[in-house]
């Protein structure tokens, strides 16, 4: 329910804005990648402006996602260690349960010797 509401309120208008920007900014522009270039830029790229805008948006998403993923590395490492510890505890509990239910499960080890 909330996911659909967020989709309708945020993602759909954002998509409409991006499409509107793409339609309005179809004019070709020159992106110069040489900061020390003179009158004749050596490293440049000519494309519609909306491609540069969408490229910058996608690059921001990728860099932000990567930074988040790297920042959460210590938490993932801790979760893996705790999962490993939990599996070990479960194995030990299963082993002890099998020992308890073994051949003397009737409680023969608790009987007192006959007098």
PDB file of N, CA and C in Angstrom:
ATOM      1  N   UNK A   1       0.828  -1.183   0.000  1.00  0.00           N
ATOM      2  CA  UNK A   1       0.000   0.000   0.000  1.00  0.00           C
ATOM      3  C   UNK A   1       0.880   1.259   0.000  1.00  0.00           C
ATOM      4  N   UNK A   2       1.807   1.360   0.975  1.00  0.00           N
ATOM      5  CA  UNK A   2       2.677   2.535   1.066  1.00  0.00           C
ATOM      6  C   UNK A   2       3.605   2.622  -0.130  1.00  0.00           C
ATOM      7  N   UNK A   3       4.054   1.473  -0.595  1.00  0.00           N
ATOM      8  CA  UNK A   3       4.961   1.465  -1.740  1.00  0.00           C
ATOM      9  C   UNK A   3       4.275   2.040  -2.980  1.00  0.00           C
ATOM     10  N   UNK A   4       3.027   1.687  -3.184  1.00  0.00           N
ATOM     11  CA  UNK A   4       2.282   2.206  -4.333  1.00  0.00           C
ATOM     12  C   UNK A   4       2.043   3.709  -4.189  1.00  0.00           C
ATOM     13  N   UNK A   5       1.796   4.145  -2.966  1.00  0.00           N
ATOM     14  CA  UNK A   5       1.565   5.568  -2.723  1.00  0.00           C
ATOM     15  C   UNK A   5       2.846   6.365  -2.990  1.00  0.00           C
ATOM     16  N   UNK A   6       3.973   5.858  -2.507  1.00  0.00           N
ATOM     17  CA  UNK A   6       5.254   6.536  -2.748  1.00  0.00           C
ATOM     18  C   UNK A   6       5.556   6.572  -4.243  1.00  0.00           C
ATOM     19  N   UNK A   7       5.286   5.449  -4.916  1.00  0.00           N
ATOM     20  CA  UNK A   7       5.489   5.402  -6.362  1.00  0.00           C
ATOM     21  C   UNK A   7       4.646   6.459  -7.054  1.00  0.00           C
ATOM     22  N   UNK A   8       3.396   6.571  -6.677  1.00  0.00           N
ATOM     23  CA  UNK A   8       2.495   7.516  -7.326  1.00  0.00           C
ATOM     24  C   UNK A   8       2.855   8.971  -7.004  1.00  0.00           C
ATOM     25  N   UNK A   9       3.312   9.232  -5.782  1.00  0.00           N
ATOM     26  CA  UNK A   9       3.556  10.607  -5.360  1.00  0.00           C
ATOM     27  C   UNK A   9       4.946  11.105  -5.779  1.00  0.00           C
ATOM     28  N   UNK A  10       5.955  10.229  -5.757  1.00  0.00           N
ATOM     29  CA  UNK A  10       7.317  10.682  -6.030  1.00  0.00           C
ATOM     30  C   UNK A  10       7.853  10.272  -7.394  1.00  0.00           C
ATOM     31  N   UNK A  11       7.756   9.016  -7.719  1.00  0.00           N
ATOM     32  CA  UNK A  11       8.433   8.501  -8.912  1.00  0.00           C
ATOM     33  C   UNK A  11       7.736   8.947 -10.196  1.00  0.00           C
ATOM     34  N   UNK A  12       6.443   8.915 -10.223  1.00  0.00           N
ATOM     35  CA  UNK A  12       5.725   9.299 -11.444  1.00  0.00           C
ATOM     36  C   UNK A  12       5.959  10.776 -11.780  1.00  0.00           C
ATOM     37  N   UNK A  13       5.815  11.714 -10.831  1.00  0.00           N
ATOM     38  CA  UNK A  13       6.118  13.113 -11.184  1.00  0.00           C
ATOM     39  C   UNK A  13       7.579  13.321 -11.571  1.00  0.00           C
ATOM     40  N   UNK A  14       8.506  12.617 -10.934  1.00  0.00           N
ATOM     41  CA  UNK A  14       9.908  12.725 -11.305  1.00  0.00           C
ATOM     42  C   UNK A  14      10.125  12.261 -12.744  1.00  0.00           C
ATOM     43  N   UNK A  15       9.469  11.181 -13.132  1.00  0.00           N
ATOM     44  CA  UNK A  15       9.557  10.706 -14.515  1.00  0.00           C
ATOM     45  C   UNK A  15       8.989  11.714 -15.497  1.00  0.00           C
ATOM     46  N   UNK A  16       7.894  12.336 -15.141  1.00  0.00           N
ATOM     47  CA  UNK A  16       7.279  13.344 -16.005  1.00  0.00           C
ATOM     48  C   UNK A  16       8.224  14.540 -16.176  1.00  0.00           C
ATOM     49  N   UNK A  17       8.860  14.963 -15.085  1.00  0.00           N
ATOM     50  CA  UNK A  17       9.798  16.087 -15.147  1.00  0.00           C
ATOM     51  C   UNK A  17      10.996  15.728 -16.019  1.00  0.00           C
ATOM     52  N   UNK A  18      11.531  14.512 -15.869  1.00  0.00           N
ATOM     53  CA  UNK A  18      12.673  14.096 -16.685  1.00  0.00           C
ATOM     54  C   UNK A  18      12.316  14.036 -18.169  1.00  0.00           C
ATOM     55  N   UNK A  19      11.139  13.544 -18.483  1.00  0.00           N
ATOM     56  CA  UNK A  19      10.712  13.497 -19.888  1.00  0.00           C
ATOM     57  C   UNK A  19      10.529  14.915 -20.422  1.00  0.00           C
ATOM     58  N   UNK A  20       9.959  15.797 -19.606  1.00  0.00           N
ATOM     59  CA  UNK A  20       9.782  17.189 -20.041  1.00  0.00           C
ATOM     60  C   UNK A  20      11.140  17.852 -20.278  1.00  0.00           C
ATOM     61  N   UNK A  21      12.127  17.602 -19.405  1.00  0.00           N
ATOM     62  CA  UNK A  21      13.471  18.147 -19.611  1.00  0.00           C
ATOM     63  C   UNK A  21      14.093  17.605 -20.890  1.00  0.00           C
ATOM     64  N   UNK A  22      13.874  16.346 -21.156  1.00  0.00           N
ATOM     65  CA  UNK A  22      14.436  15.744 -22.366  1.00  0.00           C
ATOM     66  C   UNK A  22      13.831  16.362 -23.620  1.00  0.00           C
ATOM     67  N   UNK A  23      12.545  16.634 -23.578  1.00  0.00           N
ATOM     68  CA  UNK A  23      11.880  17.212 -24.752  1.00  0.00           C
ATOM     69  C   UNK A  23      12.326  18.658 -24.972  1.00  0.00           C
ATOM     70  N   UNK A  24      12.452  19.412 -23.899  1.00  0.00           N
ATOM     71  CA  UNK A  24      12.808  20.823 -24.012  1.00  0.00           C
ATOM     72  C   UNK A  24      14.276  21.010 -24.377  1.00  0.00           C
ATOM     73  N   UNK A  25      15.153  20.153 -23.881  1.00  0.00           N
ATOM     74  CA  UNK A  25      16.602  20.325 -24.059  1.00  0.00           C
ATOM     75  C   UNK A  25      17.160  19.376 -25.117  1.00  0.00           C
ATOM     76  N   UNK A  26      16.619  19.467 -26.326  1.00  0.00           N
ATOM     77  CA  UNK A  26      17.088  18.617 -27.424  1.00  0.00           C
ATOM     78  C   UNK A  26      18.231  19.248 -28.214  1.00  0.00           C
ATOM     79  N   UNK A  27      18.535  20.491 -27.935  1.00  0.00           N
ATOM     80  CA  UNK A  27      19.577  21.191 -28.673  1.00  0.00           C
ATOM     81  C   UNK A  27      20.948  20.585 -28.339  1.00  0.00           C
ATOM     82  N   UNK A  28      21.795  20.444 -29.358  1.00  0.00           N
ATOM     83  CA  UNK A  28      23.126  19.902 -29.156  1.00  0.00           C
ATOM     84  C   UNK A  28      24.009  20.929 -28.464  1.00  0.00           C
ATOM     85  N   UNK A  29      24.768  20.443 -27.489  1.00  0.00           N
ATOM     86  CA  UNK A  29      25.722  21.293 -26.770  1.00  0.00           C
ATOM     87  C   UNK A  29      27.077  20.607 -26.776  1.00  0.00           C
ATOM     88  N   UNK A  30      28.110  21.382 -26.508  1.00  0.00           N
ATOM     89  CA  UNK A  30      29.472  20.870 -26.501  1.00  0.00           C
ATOM     90  C   UNK A  30      29.947  20.775 -25.049  1.00  0.00           C
ATOM     91  N   UNK A  31      30.293  19.575 -24.630  1.00  0.00           N
ATOM     92  CA  UNK A  31      30.845  19.357 -23.294  1.00  0.00           C
ATOM     93  C   UNK A  31      32.347  19.219 -23.446  1.00  0.00           C
ATOM     94  N   UNK A  32      33.079  20.163 -22.861  1.00  0.00           N
ATOM     95  CA  UNK A  32      34.537  20.171 -22.955  1.00  0.00           C
ATOM     96  C   UNK A  32      35.094  19.499 -21.701  1.00  0.00           C
ATOM     97  N   UNK A  33      35.880  18.438 -21.914  1.00  0.00           N
ATOM     98  CA  UNK A  33      36.446  17.678 -20.804  1.00  0.00           C
ATOM     99  C   UNK A  33      37.906  18.050 -20.539  1.00  0.00           C
ATOM    100  N   UNK A  34      38.419  19.046 -21.217  1.00  0.00           N
ATOM    101  CA  UNK A  34      39.807  19.481 -21.066  1.00  0.00           C
ATOM    102  C   UNK A  34      39.813  20.802 -20.302  1.00  0.00           C
ATOM    103  N   UNK A  35      40.159  20.783 -18.991  1.00  0.00           N
ATOM    104  CA  UNK A  35      40.110  22.032 -18.226  1.00  0.00           C
ATOM    105  C   UNK A  35      41.177  23.039 -18.633  1.00  0.00           C
ATOM    106  N   UNK A  36      42.248  22.608 -19.289  1.00  0.00           N
ATOM    107  CA  UNK A  36      43.330  23.508 -19.690  1.00  0.00           C
ATOM    108  C   UNK A  36      43.319  23.796 -21.185  1.00  0.00           C
ATOM    109  N   UNK A  37      42.237  23.378 -21.849  1.00  0.00           N
ATOM    110  CA  UNK A  37      42.154  23.567 -23.291  1.00  0.00           C
ATOM    111  C   UNK A  37      42.069  25.035 -23.661  1.00  0.00           C
ATOM    112  N   UNK A  38      42.612  25.335 -24.800  1.00  0.00           N
ATOM    113  CA  UNK A  38      42.583  26.713 -25.274  1.00  0.00           C
ATOM    114  C   UNK A  38      41.358  26.936 -26.139  1.00  0.00           C
ATOM    115  N   UNK A  39      41.593  27.612 -27.278  1.00  0.00           N
ATOM    116  CA  UNK A  39      40.493  27.924 -28.190  1.00  0.00           C
ATOM    117  C   UNK A  39      39.980  26.668 -28.874  1.00  0.00           C
ATOM    118  N   UNK A  40      40.861  25.693 -29.083  1.00  0.00           N
ATOM    119  CA  UNK A  40      40.481  24.439 -29.746  1.00  0.00           C
ATOM    120  C   UNK A  40      40.500  23.318 -28.695  1.00  0.00           C
ATOM    121  N   UNK A  41      39.332  22.997 -28.112  1.00  0.00           N
ATOM    122  CA  UNK A  41      39.312  21.960 -27.077  1.00  0.00           C
ATOM    123  C   UNK A  41      39.634  20.582 -27.666  1.00  0.00           C
ATOM    124  N   UNK A  42      40.565  19.878 -27.008  1.00  0.00           N
ATOM    125  CA  UNK A  42      40.982  18.555 -27.483  1.00  0.00           C
ATOM    126  C   UNK A  42      39.990  17.467 -27.095  1.00  0.00           C
ATOM    127  N   UNK A  43      39.597  17.463 -25.852  1.00  0.00           N
ATOM    128  CA  UNK A  43      38.672  16.436 -25.369  1.00  0.00           C
ATOM    129  C   UNK A  43      37.295  17.060 -25.191  1.00  0.00           C
ATOM    130  N   UNK A  44      36.426  16.795 -26.139  1.00  0.00           N
ATOM    131  CA  UNK A  44      35.075  17.349 -26.057  1.00  0.00           C
ATOM    132  C   UNK A  44      34.091  16.335 -26.613  1.00  0.00           C
ATOM    133  N   UNK A  45      32.848  16.550 -26.259  1.00  0.00           N
ATOM    134  CA  UNK A  45      31.790  15.649 -26.672  1.00  0.00           C
ATOM    135  C   UNK A  45      30.564  16.487 -27.005  1.00  0.00           C
ATOM    136  N   UNK A  46      29.981  16.232 -28.156  1.00  0.00           N
ATOM    137  CA  UNK A  46      28.785  16.970 -28.551  1.00  0.00           C
ATOM    138  C   UNK A  46      27.600  16.021 -28.557  1.00  0.00           C
ATOM    139  N   UNK A  47      26.552  16.410 -27.826  1.00  0.00           N
ATOM    140  CA  UNK A  47      25.341  15.596 -27.724  1.00  0.00           C
ATOM    141  C   UNK A  47      24.202  16.489 -27.245  1.00  0.00           C
ATOM    142  N   UNK A  48      22.968  15.993 -27.328  1.00  0.00           N
ATOM    143  CA  UNK A  48      21.846  16.767 -26.789  1.00  0.00           C
ATOM    144  C   UNK A  48      22.006  16.971 -25.279  1.00  0.00           C
ATOM    145  N   UNK A  49      21.573  18.103 -24.806  1.00  0.00           N
ATOM    146  CA  UNK A  49      21.737  18.452 -23.394  1.00  0.00           C
ATOM    147  C   UNK A  49      21.053  17.451 -22.477  1.00  0.00           C
ATOM    148  N   UNK A  50      19.913  16.911 -22.882  1.00  0.00           N
ATOM    149  CA  UNK A  50      19.205  15.991 -22.003  1.00  0.00           C
ATOM    150  C   UNK A  50      20.012  14.719 -21.750  1.00  0.00           C
ATOM    151  N   UNK A  51      20.865  14.332 -22.707  1.00  0.00           N
ATOM    152  CA  UNK A  51      21.716  13.158 -22.470  1.00  0.00           C
ATOM    153  C   UNK A  51      22.729  13.444 -21.362  1.00  0.00           C
ATOM    154  N   UNK A  52      23.275  14.648 -21.352  1.00  0.00           N
ATOM    155  CA  UNK A  52      24.199  15.015 -20.288  1.00  0.00           C
ATOM    156  C   UNK A  52      23.485  15.100 -18.939  1.00  0.00           C
ATOM    157  N   UNK A  53      22.260  15.632 -18.950  1.00  0.00           N
ATOM    158  CA  UNK A  53      21.490  15.721 -17.708  1.00  0.00           C
ATOM    159  C   UNK A  53      21.159  14.326 -17.170  1.00  0.00           C
ATOM    160  N   UNK A  54      20.675  13.457 -18.038  1.00  0.00           N
ATOM    161  CA  UNK A  54      20.349  12.099 -17.599  1.00  0.00           C
ATOM    162  C   UNK A  54      21.608  11.333 -17.203  1.00  0.00           C
ATOM    163  N   UNK A  55      22.697  11.554 -17.924  1.00  0.00           N
ATOM    164  CA  UNK A  55      23.964  10.910 -17.570  1.00  0.00           C
ATOM    165  C   UNK A  55      24.446  11.343 -16.201  1.00  0.00           C
ATOM    166  N   UNK A  56      24.336  12.636 -15.903  1.00  0.00           N
ATOM    167  CA  UNK A  56      24.736  13.128 -14.587  1.00  0.00           C
ATOM    168  C   UNK A  56      23.840  12.549 -13.495  1.00  0.00           C
ATOM    169  N   UNK A  57      22.561  12.416 -13.781  1.00  0.00           N
ATOM    170  CA  UNK A  57      21.618  11.829 -12.828  1.00  0.00           C
ATOM    171  C   UNK A  57      21.981  10.369 -12.558  1.00  0.00           C
ATOM    172  N   UNK A  58      22.232   9.607 -13.607  1.00  0.00           N
ATOM    173  CA  UNK A  58      22.576   8.193 -13.456  1.00  0.00           C
ATOM    174  C   UNK A  58      23.913   8.043 -12.739  1.00  0.00           C
ATOM    175  N   UNK A  59      24.890   8.883 -13.100  1.00  0.00           N
ATOM    176  CA  UNK A  59      26.189   8.834 -12.436  1.00  0.00           C
ATOM    177  C   UNK A  59      26.049   9.137 -10.943  1.00  0.00           C
ATOM    178  N   UNK A  60      25.204  10.084 -10.596  1.00  0.00           N
ATOM    179  CA  UNK A  60      24.952  10.403  -9.189  1.00  0.00           C
ATOM    180  C   UNK A  60      24.323   9.242  -8.449  1.00  0.00           C
ATOM    181  N   UNK A  61      23.383   8.553  -9.104  1.00  0.00           N
ATOM    182  CA  UNK A  61      22.770   7.384  -8.478  1.00  0.00           C
ATOM    183  C   UNK A  61      23.796   6.279  -8.232  1.00  0.00           C
ATOM    184  N   UNK A  62      24.654   6.037  -9.220  1.00  0.00           N
ATOM    185  CA  UNK A  62      25.655   4.980  -9.094  1.00  0.00           C
ATOM    186  C   UNK A  62      26.668   5.318  -8.009  1.00  0.00           C
ATOM    187  N   UNK A  63      27.183   6.547  -8.019  1.00  0.00           N
ATOM    188  CA  UNK A  63      28.173   6.954  -7.021  1.00  0.00           C
ATOM    189  C   UNK A  63      27.552   6.948  -5.625  1.00  0.00           C
ATOM    190  N   UNK A  64      26.338   7.437  -5.494  1.00  0.00           N
ATOM    191  CA  UNK A  64      25.661   7.424  -4.192  1.00  0.00           C
ATOM    192  C   UNK A  64      25.397   6.019  -3.695  1.00  0.00           C
ATOM    193  N   UNK A  65      24.956   5.142  -4.588  1.00  0.00           N
ATOM    194  CA  UNK A  65      24.722   3.750  -4.202  1.00  0.00           C
ATOM    195  C   UNK A  65      26.007   3.053  -3.791  1.00  0.00           C
ATOM    196  N   UNK A  66      27.079   3.307  -4.523  1.00  0.00           N
ATOM    197  CA  UNK A  66      28.372   2.713  -4.195  1.00  0.00           C
ATOM    198  C   UNK A  66      28.881   3.231  -2.848  1.00  0.00           C
ATOM    199  N   UNK A  67      28.747   4.529  -2.609  1.00  0.00           N
ATOM    200  CA  UNK A  67      29.179   5.100  -1.330  1.00  0.00           C
ATOM    201  C   UNK A  67      28.371   4.513  -0.172  1.00  0.00           C
ATOM    202  N   UNK A  68      27.085   4.340  -0.369  1.00  0.00           N
ATOM    203  CA  UNK A  68      26.247   3.744   0.669  1.00  0.00           C
ATOM    204  C   UNK A  68      26.651   2.305   0.924  1.00  0.00           C
ATOM    205  N   UNK A  69      26.866   1.552  -0.151  1.00  0.00           N
ATOM    206  CA  UNK A  69      27.249   0.144  -0.031  1.00  0.00           C
ATOM    207  C   UNK A  69      28.578   0.015   0.707  1.00  0.00           C
ATOM    208  N   UNK A  70      29.548   0.850   0.349  1.00  0.00           N
ATOM    209  CA  UNK A  70      30.848   0.803   1.020  1.00  0.00           C
ATOM    210  C   UNK A  70      30.740   1.246   2.481  1.00  0.00           C
ATOM    211  N   UNK A  71      29.895   2.214   2.751  1.00  0.00           N
ATOM    212  CA  UNK A  71      29.713   2.699   4.117  1.00  0.00           C
ATOM    213  C   UNK A  71      29.058   1.688   5.032  1.00  0.00           C
ATOM    214  N   UNK A  72      28.273   0.788   4.469  1.00  0.00           N
ATOM    215  CA  UNK A  72      27.586  -0.220   5.276  1.00  0.00           C
ATOM    216  C   UNK A  72      28.364  -1.522   5.367  1.00  0.00           C
ATOM    217  N   UNK A  73      29.600  -1.533   4.880  1.00  0.00           N
ATOM    218  CA  UNK A  73      30.409  -2.748   4.872  1.00  0.00           C
ATOM    219  C   UNK A  73      30.627  -3.330   6.249  1.00  0.00           C
ATOM    220  N   UNK A  74      30.886  -2.477   7.250  1.00  0.00           N
ATOM    221  CA  UNK A  74      31.139  -2.998   8.593  1.00  0.00           C
ATOM    222  C   UNK A  74      29.887  -3.655   9.173  1.00  0.00           C
ATOM    223  N   UNK A  75      28.713  -3.165   8.795  1.00  0.00           N
ATOM    224  CA  UNK A  75      27.477  -3.762   9.313  1.00  0.00           C
ATOM    225  C   UNK A  75      27.214  -5.108   8.642  1.00  0.00           C
ATOM    226  N   UNK A  76      27.523  -5.204   7.344  1.00  0.00           N
ATOM    227  CA  UNK A  76      27.359  -6.493   6.660  1.00  0.00           C
ATOM    228  C   UNK A  76      28.329  -7.520   7.224  1.00  0.00           C
ATOM    229  N   UNK A  77      29.563  -7.087   7.525  1.00  0.00           N
ATOM    230  CA  UNK A  77      30.559  -7.986   8.108  1.00  0.00           C
ATOM    231  C   UNK A  77      30.087  -8.477   9.474  1.00  0.00           C
ATOM    232  N   UNK A  78      29.552  -7.581  10.280  1.00  0.00           N
ATOM    233  CA  UNK A  78      29.045  -7.965  11.602  1.00  0.00           C
ATOM    234  C   UNK A  78      27.864  -8.919  11.473  1.00  0.00           C
ATOM    235  N   UNK A  79      26.983  -8.670  10.515  1.00  0.00           N
ATOM    236  CA  UNK A  79      25.830  -9.552  10.306  1.00  0.00           C
ATOM    237  C   UNK A  79      26.278 -10.944   9.878  1.00  0.00           C
ATOM    238  N   UNK A  80      27.293 -11.027   9.007  1.00  0.00           N
ATOM    239  CA  UNK A  80      27.816 -12.342   8.600  1.00  0.00           C
ATOM    240  C   UNK A  80      28.406 -13.083   9.785  1.00  0.00           C
ATOM    241  N   UNK A  81      29.164 -12.372  10.638  1.00  0.00           N
ATOM    242  CA  UNK A  81      29.770 -13.006  11.812  1.00  0.00           C
ATOM    243  C   UNK A  81      28.696 -13.500  12.773  1.00  0.00           C
ATOM    244  N   UNK A  82      27.661 -12.701  12.986  1.00  0.00           N
ATOM    245  CA  UNK A  82      26.591 -13.116  13.893  1.00  0.00           C
ATOM    246  C   UNK A  82      25.778 -14.263  13.309  1.00  0.00           C
ATOM    247  N   UNK A  83      25.600 -14.277  12.000  1.00  0.00           N
ATOM    248  CA  UNK A  83      24.899 -15.401  11.367  1.00  0.00           C
ATOM    249  C   UNK A  83      25.723 -16.681  11.520  1.00  0.00           C
ATOM    250  N   UNK A  84      27.040 -16.551  11.351  1.00  0.00           N
ATOM    251  CA  UNK A  84      27.923 -17.715  11.540  1.00  0.00           C
ATOM    252  C   UNK A  84      27.817 -18.227  12.975  1.00  0.00           C
ATOM    253  N   UNK A  85      27.833 -17.312  13.942  1.00  0.00           N
ATOM    254  CA  UNK A  85      27.719 -17.694  15.347  1.00  0.00           C
ATOM    255  C   UNK A  85      26.365 -18.342  15.629  1.00  0.00           C
ATOM    256  N   UNK A  86      25.304 -17.799  15.040  1.00  0.00           N
ATOM    257  CA  UNK A  86      23.970 -18.383  15.238  1.00  0.00           C
ATOM    258  C   UNK A  86      23.901 -19.793  14.663  1.00  0.00           C
ATOM    259  N   UNK A  87      24.512 -20.006  13.479  1.00  0.00           N
ATOM    260  CA  UNK A  87      24.522 -21.357  12.910  1.00  0.00           C
ATOM    261  C   UNK A  87      25.266 -22.328  13.820  1.00  0.00           C
ATOM    262  N   UNK A  88      26.373 -21.860  14.393  1.00  0.00           N
ATOM    263  CA  UNK A  88      27.139 -22.719  15.310  1.00  0.00           C
ATOM    264  C   UNK A  88      26.327 -23.062  16.548  1.00  0.00           C
ATOM    265  N   UNK A  89      25.617 -22.102  17.093  1.00  0.00           N
ATOM    266  CA  UNK A  89      24.769 -22.359  18.260  1.00  0.00           C
ATOM    267  C   UNK A  89      23.643 -23.337  17.903  1.00  0.00           C
ATOM    268  N   UNK A  90      23.073 -23.190  16.714  1.00  0.00           N
ATOM    269  CA  UNK A  90      22.010 -24.114  16.283  1.00  0.00           C
ATOM    270  C   UNK A  90      22.559 -25.524  16.112  1.00  0.00           C
ATOM    271  N   UNK A  91      23.757 -25.630  15.530  1.00  0.00           N
ATOM    272  CA  UNK A  91      24.373 -26.954  15.387  1.00  0.00           C
ATOM    273  C   UNK A  91      24.610 -27.592  16.746  1.00  0.00           C
ATOM    274  N   UNK A  92      25.103 -26.802  17.677  1.00  0.00           N
ATOM    275  CA  UNK A  92      25.369 -27.330  19.012  1.00  0.00           C
ATOM    276  C   UNK A  92      24.064 -27.727  19.700  1.00  0.00           C
ATOM    277  N   UNK A  93      23.032 -26.919  19.550  1.00  0.00           N
ATOM    278  CA  UNK A  93      21.738 -27.258  20.148  1.00  0.00           C
ATOM    279  C   UNK A  93      21.175 -28.536  19.536  1.00  0.00           C
ATOM    280  N   UNK A  94      21.282 -28.693  18.218  1.00  0.00           N
ATOM    281  CA  UNK A  94      20.812 -29.914  17.567  1.00  0.00           C
ATOM    282  C   UNK A  94      21.588 -31.128  18.056  1.00  0.00           C
ATOM    283  N   UNK A  95      22.915 -30.969  18.193  1.00  0.00           N
ATOM    284  CA  UNK A  95      23.743 -32.083  18.659  1.00  0.00           C
ATOM    285  C   UNK A  95      23.346 -32.483  20.078  1.00  0.00           C
ATOM    286  N   UNK A  96      23.159 -31.503  20.955  1.00  0.00           N
ATOM    287  CA  UNK A  96      22.763 -31.798  22.333  1.00  0.00           C
ATOM    288  C   UNK A  96      21.376 -32.411  22.393  1.00  0.00           C
ATOM    289  N   UNK A  97      20.483 -31.968  21.540  1.00  0.00           N
ATOM    290  CA  UNK A  97      19.133 -32.530  21.505  1.00  0.00           C
ATOM    291  C   UNK A  97      19.165 -33.987  21.068  1.00  0.00           C
ATOM    292  N   UNK A  98      20.005 -34.291  20.071  1.00  0.00           N
ATOM    293  CA  UNK A  98      20.134 -35.681  19.621  1.00  0.00           C
ATOM    294  C   UNK A  98      20.756 -36.546  20.714  1.00  0.00           C
ATOM    295  N   UNK A  99      21.736 -36.004  21.432  1.00  0.00           N
ATOM    296  CA  UNK A  99      22.330 -36.759  22.540  1.00  0.00           C
ATOM    297  C   UNK A  99      21.298 -37.034  23.615  1.00  0.00           C
ATOM    298  N   UNK A 100      20.469 -36.062  23.900  1.00  0.00           N
ATOM    299  CA  UNK A 100      19.453 -36.212  24.936  1.00  0.00           C
ATOM    300  C   UNK A 100      18.401 -37.233  24.520  1.00  0.00           C
ATOM    301  N   UNK A 101      18.058 -37.276  23.229  1.00  0.00           N
ATOM    302  CA  UNK A 101      17.041 -38.200  22.734  1.00  0.00           C
ATOM    303  C   UNK A 101      17.630 -39.544  22.321  1.00  0.00           C
ATOM    304  N   UNK A 102      18.890 -39.770  22.619  1.00  0.00           N
ATOM    305  CA  UNK A 102      19.596 -40.976  22.203  1.00  0.00           C
ATOM    306  C   UNK A 102      19.054 -42.232  22.868  1.00  0.00           C
ATOM    307  N   UNK A 103      19.891 -43.287  22.986  1.00  0.00           N
ATOM    308  CA  UNK A 103      19.444 -44.583  23.502  1.00  0.00           C
ATOM    309  C   UNK A 103      18.928 -44.527  24.936  1.00  0.00           C
ATOM    310  N   UNK A 104      19.426 -43.633  25.727  1.00  0.00           N
ATOM    311  CA  UNK A 104      18.944 -43.558  27.107  1.00  0.00           C
ATOM    312  C   UNK A 104      17.938 -42.424  27.281  1.00  0.00           C
ATOM    313  N   UNK A 105      17.101 -42.219  26.279  1.00  0.00           N
ATOM    314  CA  UNK A 105      16.119 -41.130  26.318  1.00  0.00           C
ATOM    315  C   UNK A 105      15.042 -41.372  27.359  1.00  0.00           C
ATOM    316  N   UNK A 106      14.889 -42.628  27.798  1.00  0.00           N
ATOM    317  CA  UNK A 106      13.868 -42.940  28.798  1.00  0.00           C
ATOM    318  C   UNK A 106      14.276 -42.452  30.173  1.00  0.00           C
ATOM    319  N   UNK A 107      15.456 -41.938  30.296  1.00  0.00           N
ATOM    320  CA  UNK A 107      15.897 -41.405  31.575  1.00  0.00           C
ATOM    321  C   UNK A 107      16.691 -42.423  32.375  1.00  0.00           C
ATOM    322  N   UNK A 108      17.279 -43.432  31.721  1.00  0.00           N
ATOM    323  CA  UNK A 108      18.023 -44.462  32.433  1.00  0.00           C
ATOM    324  C   UNK A 108      19.250 -43.882  33.129  1.00  0.00           C
ATOM    325  N   UNK A 109      19.764 -42.812  32.626  1.00  0.00           N
ATOM    326  CA  UNK A 109      20.914 -42.204  33.271  1.00  0.00           C
ATOM    327  C   UNK A 109      20.540 -41.474  34.556  1.00  0.00           C
ATOM    328  N   UNK A 110      19.231 -41.287  34.776  1.00  0.00           N
ATOM    329  CA  UNK A 110      18.773 -40.627  35.980  1.00  0.00           C
ATOM    330  C   UNK A 110      18.355 -41.622  37.064  1.00  0.00           C
ATOM    331  N   UNK A 111      18.307 -42.898  36.748  1.00  0.00           N
ATOM    332  CA  UNK A 111      17.875 -43.901  37.717  1.00  0.00           C
ATOM    333  C   UNK A 111      18.937 -44.100  38.790  1.00  0.00           C
ATOM    334  N   UNK A 112      18.465 -44.356  39.979  1.00  0.00           N
ATOM    335  CA  UNK A 112      19.363 -44.659  41.082  1.00  0.00           C
ATOM    336  C   UNK A 112      19.696 -46.136  41.061  1.00  0.00           C
ATOM    337  N   UNK A 113      20.890 -46.508  41.484  1.00  0.00           N
ATOM    338  CA  UNK A 113      21.225 -47.935  41.523  1.00  0.00           C
ATOM    339  C   UNK A 113      20.341 -48.668  42.511  1.00  0.00           C
ATOM    340  N   UNK A 114      20.033 -49.922  42.186  1.00  0.00           N
ATOM    341  CA  UNK A 114      19.169 -50.733  43.076  1.00  0.00           C
ATOM    342  C   UNK A 114      19.918 -51.054  44.356  1.00  0.00           C
ATOM    343  N   UNK A 115      19.191 -50.976  45.487  1.00  0.00           N
ATOM    344  CA  UNK A 115      19.835 -51.225  46.770  1.00  0.00           C
ATOM    345  C   UNK A 115      19.513 -52.584  47.317  1.00  0.00           C
TER     346      UNK A 115
END
